[in-house]
Amino acid sequence: MKDQDALRDALIARLSTVIDPETGVDVVRMRLIEDLTVDENGFVRYKFRPSSPLCPIAVPLALSIRQAVAEVEGVTGQEIEVVGYIQAAELNAMLREETG
C-alpha cells in the first residue's frame, strides 16, 4: 500500500504541472482529475472532467494528462475516462484506440 501511496503522490505532483491554457491553472487545482486510483501493479485509473461540457481544449488537455501520467516512474498502464463533456464518448474511444 505504501508504494501505491507514493506512486499516487508522484502522479499528483506530475499532474500539477499540466496547465489548462485557458485559465493558466493546473489540472489538479482546477479539480479536473477525479477518482485517481493506483492498483498494486502500478495501473492507474482516473476520470478527467473538462472545465465545461463544451471545453474547446478538452482533447489536447486529455492527451497532455495521459502523457504526464505515462511519464511517472512505476506506472504500468492507465485508464482515463472523460466525463462531463459533450463529446466524451468520442474522446474516450479515441483515447482507448491510441493506447491500444
C-alpha atoms as a PDB file:
ATOM      1  CA  MET A   1       0.000   0.000   0.000  1.00  0.00           C
ATOM      2  CA  LYS A   2       2.887   2.347   0.782  1.00  0.00           C
ATOM      3  CA  ASP A   3       4.193   2.023  -2.783  1.00  0.00           C
ATOM      4  CA  GLN A   4       0.735   2.808  -4.151  1.00  0.00           C
ATOM      5  CA  ASP A   5       0.510   5.920  -1.953  1.00  0.00           C
ATOM      6  CA  ALA A   6       3.963   7.044  -3.086  1.00  0.00           C
ATOM      7  CA  LEU A   7       3.019   6.471  -6.724  1.00  0.00           C
ATOM      8  CA  ARG A   8      -0.255   8.354  -6.253  1.00  0.00           C
ATOM      9  CA  ASP A   9       1.655  11.266  -4.692  1.00  0.00           C
ATOM     10  CA  ALA A  10       4.079  11.244  -7.638  1.00  0.00           C
ATOM     11  CA  LEU A  11       1.142  11.262 -10.050  1.00  0.00           C
ATOM     12  CA  ILE A  12      -0.477  14.224  -8.296  1.00  0.00           C
ATOM     13  CA  ALA A  13       2.856  16.076  -8.372  1.00  0.00           C
ATOM     14  CA  ARG A  14       3.310  15.384 -12.092  1.00  0.00           C
ATOM     15  CA  LEU A  15      -0.298  16.267 -12.940  1.00  0.00           C
ATOM     16  CA  SER A  16       0.068  19.562 -11.113  1.00  0.00           C
ATOM     17  CA  THR A  17       2.494  20.571 -13.885  1.00  0.00           C
ATOM     18  CA  VAL A  18      -0.208  20.163 -16.569  1.00  0.00           C
ATOM     19  CA  ILE A  19      -1.632  23.641 -17.072  1.00  0.00           C
ATOM     20  CA  ASP A  20      -5.030  24.469 -18.546  1.00  0.00           C
ATOM     21  CA  PRO A  21      -4.046  27.092 -21.136  1.00  0.00           C
ATOM     22  CA  GLU A  22      -7.408  28.846 -20.845  1.00  0.00           C
ATOM     23  CA  THR A  23      -7.018  29.566 -17.128  1.00  0.00           C
ATOM     24  CA  GLY A  24      -3.295  29.220 -16.506  1.00  0.00           C
ATOM     25  CA  VAL A  25      -4.121  26.937 -13.563  1.00  0.00           C
ATOM     26  CA  ASP A  26      -3.017  23.317 -13.224  1.00  0.00           C
ATOM     27  CA  VAL A  27      -5.487  20.469 -13.673  1.00  0.00           C
ATOM     28  CA  VAL A  28      -5.124  19.326 -10.043  1.00  0.00           C
ATOM     29  CA  ARG A  29      -6.027  22.693  -8.526  1.00  0.00           C
ATOM     30  CA  MET A  30      -8.896  23.033 -11.010  1.00  0.00           C
ATOM     31  CA  ARG A  31     -10.140  19.605  -9.824  1.00  0.00           C
ATOM     32  CA  LEU A  32     -10.295  18.263 -13.372  1.00  0.00           C
ATOM     33  CA  ILE A  33      -8.875  14.896 -12.253  1.00  0.00           C
ATOM     34  CA  GLU A  34     -11.274  12.708 -10.254  1.00  0.00           C
ATOM     35  CA  ASP A  35     -11.181   9.256  -8.655  1.00  0.00           C
ATOM     36  CA  LEU A  36      -7.443   8.733  -9.145  1.00  0.00           C
ATOM     37  CA  THR A  37      -6.571   5.205  -8.060  1.00  0.00           C
ATOM     38  CA  VAL A  38      -3.446   3.089  -8.348  1.00  0.00           C
ATOM     39  CA  ASP A  39      -3.537  -0.700  -8.020  1.00  0.00           C
ATOM     40  CA  GLU A  40      -0.782  -2.892  -6.586  1.00  0.00           C
ATOM     41  CA  ASN A  41       0.673  -3.402 -10.075  1.00  0.00           C
ATOM     42  CA  GLY A  42       1.018   0.297 -10.848  1.00  0.00           C
ATOM     43  CA  PHE A  43      -2.058   0.502 -13.093  1.00  0.00           C
ATOM     44  CA  VAL A  44      -3.695   3.931 -12.828  1.00  0.00           C
ATOM     45  CA  ARG A  45      -7.386   4.736 -13.289  1.00  0.00           C
ATOM     46  CA  TYR A  46      -8.887   8.210 -13.194  1.00  0.00           C
ATOM     47  CA  LYS A  47     -11.532  10.488 -14.634  1.00  0.00           C
ATOM     48  CA  PHE A  48     -10.898  13.728 -16.462  1.00  0.00           C
ATOM     49  CA  ARG A  49     -13.694  16.284 -16.251  1.00  0.00           C
ATOM     50  CA  PRO A  50     -13.080  19.216 -18.619  1.00  0.00           C
ATOM     51  CA  SER A  51     -13.845  22.643 -17.170  1.00  0.00           C
ATOM     52  CA  SER A  52     -17.017  22.843 -19.258  1.00  0.00           C
ATOM     53  CA  PRO A  53     -19.118  20.434 -21.350  1.00  0.00           C
ATOM     54  CA  LEU A  54     -18.049  22.375 -24.458  1.00  0.00           C
ATOM     55  CA  CYS A  55     -14.408  22.830 -23.454  1.00  0.00           C
ATOM     56  CA  PRO A  56     -12.550  23.694 -26.695  1.00  0.00           C
ATOM     57  CA  ILE A  57      -9.260  22.244 -25.434  1.00  0.00           C
ATOM     58  CA  ALA A  58     -10.564  19.004 -23.915  1.00  0.00           C
ATOM     59  CA  VAL A  59      -8.806  16.821 -26.489  1.00  0.00           C
ATOM     60  CA  PRO A  60      -5.287  18.309 -26.209  1.00  0.00           C
ATOM     61  CA  LEU A  61      -5.676  18.585 -22.446  1.00  0.00           C
ATOM     62  CA  ALA A  62      -6.699  14.910 -22.176  1.00  0.00           C
ATOM     63  CA  LEU A  63      -3.666  13.948 -24.265  1.00  0.00           C
ATOM     64  CA  SER A  64      -1.370  16.063 -22.074  1.00  0.00           C
ATOM     65  CA  ILE A  65      -2.787  14.499 -18.919  1.00  0.00           C
ATOM     66  CA  ARG A  66      -2.409  10.989 -20.313  1.00  0.00           C
ATOM     67  CA  GLN A  67       1.180  11.729 -21.358  1.00  0.00           C
ATOM     68  CA  ALA A  68       2.007  13.149 -17.919  1.00  0.00           C
ATOM     69  CA  VAL A  69       0.657  10.012 -16.204  1.00  0.00           C
ATOM     70  CA  ALA A  70       2.618   7.769 -18.587  1.00  0.00           C
ATOM     71  CA  GLU A  71       5.855   9.575 -17.691  1.00  0.00           C
ATOM     72  CA  VAL A  72       5.633   8.817 -13.964  1.00  0.00           C
ATOM     73  CA  GLU A  73       8.048   6.089 -12.950  1.00  0.00           C
ATOM     74  CA  GLY A  74       6.215   2.995 -11.711  1.00  0.00           C
ATOM     75  CA  VAL A  75       3.100   3.433 -13.856  1.00  0.00           C
ATOM     76  CA  THR A  76       2.455   0.215 -15.772  1.00  0.00           C
ATOM     77  CA  GLY A  77      -0.643   1.385 -17.622  1.00  0.00           C
ATOM     78  CA  GLN A  78      -3.607   3.689 -17.348  1.00  0.00           C
ATOM     79  CA  GLU A  79      -7.291   4.044 -17.996  1.00  0.00           C
ATOM     80  CA  ILE A  80      -8.579   7.581 -18.472  1.00  0.00           C
ATOM     81  CA  GLU A  81     -12.308   8.224 -18.626  1.00  0.00           C
ATOM     82  CA  VAL A  82     -13.559  11.584 -19.833  1.00  0.00           C
ATOM     83  CA  VAL A  83     -16.759  12.667 -18.076  1.00  0.00           C
ATOM     84  CA  GLY A  84     -18.995  15.736 -18.213  1.00  0.00           C
ATOM     85  CA  TYR A  85     -18.023  16.594 -21.779  1.00  0.00           C
ATOM     86  CA  ILE A  86     -20.368  16.799 -24.755  1.00  0.00           C
ATOM     87  CA  GLN A  87     -18.132  14.563 -26.898  1.00  0.00           C
ATOM     88  CA  ALA A  88     -16.957  12.297 -24.074  1.00  0.00           C
ATOM     89  CA  ALA A  89     -17.885   9.092 -25.921  1.00  0.00           C
ATOM     90  CA  GLU A  90     -15.842  10.062 -28.979  1.00  0.00           C
ATOM     91  CA  LEU A  91     -12.896  11.265 -26.911  1.00  0.00           C
ATOM     92  CA  ASN A  92     -12.912   8.120 -24.751  1.00  0.00           C
ATOM     93  CA  ALA A  93     -12.955   5.956 -27.886  1.00  0.00           C
ATOM     94  CA  MET A  94     -10.011   7.898 -29.337  1.00  0.00           C
ATOM     95  CA  LEU A  95      -8.012   7.625 -26.105  1.00  0.00           C
ATOM     96  CA  ARG A  96      -8.648   3.865 -25.937  1.00  0.00           C
ATOM     97  CA  GLU A  97      -7.589   3.377 -29.563  1.00  0.00           C
ATOM     98  CA  GLU A  98      -4.363   5.307 -29.081  1.00  0.00           C
ATOM     99  CA  THR A  99      -3.301   3.326 -26.027  1.00  0.00           C
ATOM    100  CA  GLY A 100      -4.126   0.045 -27.721  1.00  0.00           C
END
